[in-house]
Amino acid sequence: MHAVQEYLSKECSYAEVCRKFDIHSKRKLITWVHEAQANGYESLAPRKTHHSYSLDFKLQVVNYYRMHELSTVQVAVKFNLNRSQVYSWYRKYKNEGIVGLRPTN
């Protein structure tokens, strides 16, 4: 959160903030900045609980990704998800159809 605040509040580049906070991936910082801008700083807090998402929600995310030609990062920011979660649901949908998105519990 401090790195994002530093980037947004000062005239620093991504590279400078990464060096200052010892962040090894500029892409990670960029993702954090976009997420904070879209969903607020609280969206950067670690998620401590396992979320169970409905089939309808997963389908909504996958359809949004398919229809809007956005990156998984952009879709993840919009829905306050992890980028890998968006890609995982898309891959399951692509390989198994809607059945692949059914909750497992």
C-alpha atoms as a PDB file:
ATOM      1  CA  MET A   1       0.000   0.000   0.000  1.00  0.00           C
ATOM      2  CA  HIS A   2       2.856   2.374   0.825  1.00  0.00           C
ATOM      3  CA  ALA A   3       4.455   1.800  -2.569  1.00  0.00           C
ATOM      4  CA  VAL A   4       1.179   2.622  -4.344  1.00  0.00           C
ATOM      5  CA  GLN A   5       0.706   5.740  -2.232  1.00  0.00           C
ATOM      6  CA  GLU A   6       4.281   6.778  -3.011  1.00  0.00           C
ATOM      7  CA  TYR A   7       3.728   6.367  -6.747  1.00  0.00           C
ATOM      8  CA  LEU A   8       0.381   8.186  -6.766  1.00  0.00           C
ATOM      9  CA  SER A   9       1.383  11.045  -4.473  1.00  0.00           C
ATOM     10  CA  LYS A  10       4.785  11.897  -5.934  1.00  0.00           C
ATOM     11  CA  GLU A  11       6.365  12.433  -9.294  1.00  0.00           C
ATOM     12  CA  CYS A  12       8.187   9.078  -9.156  1.00  0.00           C
ATOM     13  CA  SER A  13       8.425   6.500 -11.877  1.00  0.00           C
ATOM     14  CA  TYR A  14       7.399   2.885 -11.421  1.00  0.00           C
ATOM     15  CA  ALA A  15      11.076   1.917 -11.553  1.00  0.00           C
ATOM     16  CA  GLU A  16      12.013   4.376  -8.792  1.00  0.00           C
ATOM     17  CA  VAL A  17       9.248   3.146  -6.492  1.00  0.00           C
ATOM     18  CA  CYS A  18      10.183  -0.490  -7.173  1.00  0.00           C
ATOM     19  CA  ARG A  19      13.788   0.239  -6.201  1.00  0.00           C
ATOM     20  CA  LYS A  20      12.785   2.125  -3.064  1.00  0.00           C
ATOM     21  CA  PHE A  21      10.426  -0.613  -1.820  1.00  0.00           C
ATOM     22  CA  ASP A  22      12.463  -3.545  -3.172  1.00  0.00           C
ATOM     23  CA  ILE A  23       9.654  -4.697  -5.461  1.00  0.00           C
ATOM     24  CA  HIS A  24      11.088  -7.063  -8.041  1.00  0.00           C
ATOM     25  CA  SER A  25       8.266  -6.783 -10.574  1.00  0.00           C
ATOM     26  CA  LYS A  26       7.250  -3.469 -12.109  1.00  0.00           C
ATOM     27  CA  ARG A  27       4.184  -5.238 -13.511  1.00  0.00           C
ATOM     28  CA  LYS A  28       3.070  -6.099  -9.966  1.00  0.00           C
ATOM     29  CA  LEU A  29       3.296  -2.451  -8.903  1.00  0.00           C
ATOM     30  CA  ILE A  30       1.364  -1.351 -11.990  1.00  0.00           C
ATOM     31  CA  THR A  31      -1.367  -3.872 -11.156  1.00  0.00           C
ATOM     32  CA  TRP A  32      -1.533  -2.633  -7.563  1.00  0.00           C
ATOM     33  CA  VAL A  33      -1.813   0.984  -8.724  1.00  0.00           C
ATOM     34  CA  HIS A  34      -4.666   0.162 -11.122  1.00  0.00           C
ATOM     35  CA  GLU A  35      -6.439  -1.880  -8.452  1.00  0.00           C
ATOM     36  CA  ALA A  36      -6.168   0.920  -5.870  1.00  0.00           C
ATOM     37  CA  GLN A  37      -7.430   3.481  -8.379  1.00  0.00           C
ATOM     38  CA  ALA A  38     -10.411   1.322  -9.326  1.00  0.00           C
ATOM     39  CA  ASN A  39     -11.350  -0.148  -5.932  1.00  0.00           C
ATOM     40  CA  GLY A  40      -9.581   1.924  -3.256  1.00  0.00           C
ATOM     41  CA  TYR A  41      -6.579   1.165  -1.080  1.00  0.00           C
ATOM     42  CA  GLU A  42      -8.490  -1.397   0.974  1.00  0.00           C
ATOM     43  CA  SER A  43      -8.535  -3.668  -2.084  1.00  0.00           C
ATOM     44  CA  LEU A  44      -4.773  -4.099  -1.637  1.00  0.00           C
ATOM     45  CA  ALA A  45      -5.138  -5.735   1.781  1.00  0.00           C
ATOM     46  CA  PRO A  46      -4.344  -9.446   1.804  1.00  0.00           C
ATOM     47  CA  ARG A  47      -7.383 -11.649   1.471  1.00  0.00           C
ATOM     48  CA  LYS A  48      -7.415 -13.946   4.455  1.00  0.00           C
ATOM     49  CA  THR A  49     -10.497 -15.981   3.724  1.00  0.00           C
ATOM     50  CA  HIS A  50     -11.310 -18.365   0.930  1.00  0.00           C
ATOM     51  CA  HIS A  51     -14.083 -16.979  -1.240  1.00  0.00           C
ATOM     52  CA  SER A  52     -16.660 -19.154  -2.910  1.00  0.00           C
ATOM     53  CA  TYR A  53     -18.075 -17.574  -6.053  1.00  0.00           C
ATOM     54  CA  SER A  54     -21.370 -18.437  -7.675  1.00  0.00           C
ATOM     55  CA  LEU A  55     -21.621 -19.902 -11.143  1.00  0.00           C
ATOM     56  CA  ASP A  56     -23.419 -16.743 -12.285  1.00  0.00           C
ATOM     57  CA  PHE A  57     -20.597 -14.504 -11.041  1.00  0.00           C
ATOM     58  CA  LYS A  58     -17.904 -16.643 -12.687  1.00  0.00           C
ATOM     59  CA  LEU A  59     -19.851 -16.620 -15.944  1.00  0.00           C
ATOM     60  CA  GLN A  60     -20.269 -12.846 -15.722  1.00  0.00           C
ATOM     61  CA  VAL A  61     -16.494 -12.402 -15.309  1.00  0.00           C
ATOM     62  CA  VAL A  62     -15.664 -14.788 -18.171  1.00  0.00           C
ATOM     63  CA  ASN A  63     -18.202 -13.168 -20.499  1.00  0.00           C
ATOM     64  CA  TYR A  64     -16.919  -9.705 -19.634  1.00  0.00           C
ATOM     65  CA  TYR A  65     -13.371 -10.839 -20.431  1.00  0.00           C
ATOM     66  CA  ARG A  66     -14.431 -12.377 -23.741  1.00  0.00           C
ATOM     67  CA  MET A  67     -16.630  -9.493 -24.885  1.00  0.00           C
ATOM     68  CA  HIS A  68     -14.511  -6.463 -23.966  1.00  0.00           C
ATOM     69  CA  GLU A  69     -11.090  -7.541 -25.292  1.00  0.00           C
ATOM     70  CA  LEU A  70      -9.358  -6.493 -22.076  1.00  0.00           C
ATOM     71  CA  SER A  71      -6.398  -8.079 -20.324  1.00  0.00           C
ATOM     72  CA  THR A  72      -6.927 -10.420 -17.399  1.00  0.00           C
ATOM     73  CA  VAL A  73      -5.398  -7.708 -15.197  1.00  0.00           C
ATOM     74  CA  GLN A  74      -7.993  -5.147 -16.306  1.00  0.00           C
ATOM     75  CA  VAL A  75     -10.856  -7.582 -15.742  1.00  0.00           C
ATOM     76  CA  ALA A  76      -9.434  -8.608 -12.362  1.00  0.00           C
ATOM     77  CA  VAL A  77      -9.272  -4.976 -11.285  1.00  0.00           C
ATOM     78  CA  LYS A  78     -12.868  -4.364 -12.359  1.00  0.00           C
ATOM     79  CA  PHE A  79     -14.181  -7.348 -10.372  1.00  0.00           C
ATOM     80  CA  ASN A  80     -11.656  -7.067  -7.505  1.00  0.00           C
ATOM     81  CA  LEU A  81     -10.149 -10.480  -8.220  1.00  0.00           C
ATOM     82  CA  ASN A  82      -6.702 -11.905  -8.736  1.00  0.00           C
ATOM     83  CA  ARG A  83      -5.544 -11.954 -12.369  1.00  0.00           C
ATOM     84  CA  SER A  84      -4.824 -15.656 -12.187  1.00  0.00           C
ATOM     85  CA  GLN A  85      -8.397 -16.320 -11.008  1.00  0.00           C
ATOM     86  CA  VAL A  86      -9.820 -14.636 -14.107  1.00  0.00           C
ATOM     87  CA  TYR A  87      -7.538 -16.646 -16.373  1.00  0.00           C
ATOM     88  CA  SER A  88      -8.320 -19.894 -14.534  1.00  0.00           C
ATOM     89  CA  TRP A  89     -12.070 -19.420 -14.975  1.00  0.00           C
ATOM     90  CA  TYR A  90     -11.622 -18.474 -18.626  1.00  0.00           C
ATOM     91  CA  ARG A  91      -9.460 -21.536 -19.283  1.00  0.00           C
ATOM     92  CA  LYS A  92     -11.968 -23.840 -17.540  1.00  0.00           C
ATOM     93  CA  TYR A  93     -14.820 -22.314 -19.527  1.00  0.00           C
ATOM     94  CA  LYS A  94     -12.895 -22.652 -22.782  1.00  0.00           C
ATOM     95  CA  ASN A  95     -12.008 -26.314 -22.105  1.00  0.00           C
ATOM     96  CA  GLU A  96     -15.135 -27.565 -20.323  1.00  0.00           C
ATOM     97  CA  GLY A  97     -17.849 -25.033 -21.002  1.00  0.00           C
ATOM     98  CA  ILE A  98     -20.162 -23.790 -18.273  1.00  0.00           C
ATOM     99  CA  VAL A  99     -19.758 -27.108 -16.414  1.00  0.00           C
ATOM    100  CA  GLY A 100     -16.144 -26.171 -15.639  1.00  0.00           C
ATOM    101  CA  LEU A 101     -17.312 -23.116 -13.698  1.00  0.00           C
ATOM    102  CA  ARG A 102     -19.581 -24.982 -11.312  1.00  0.00           C
ATOM    103  CA  PRO A 103     -18.619 -24.604  -7.637  1.00  0.00           C
ATOM    104  CA  THR A 104     -16.671 -27.621  -6.384  1.00  0.00           C
ATOM    105  CA  ASN A 105     -18.009 -27.708  -2.810  1.00  0.00           C
END
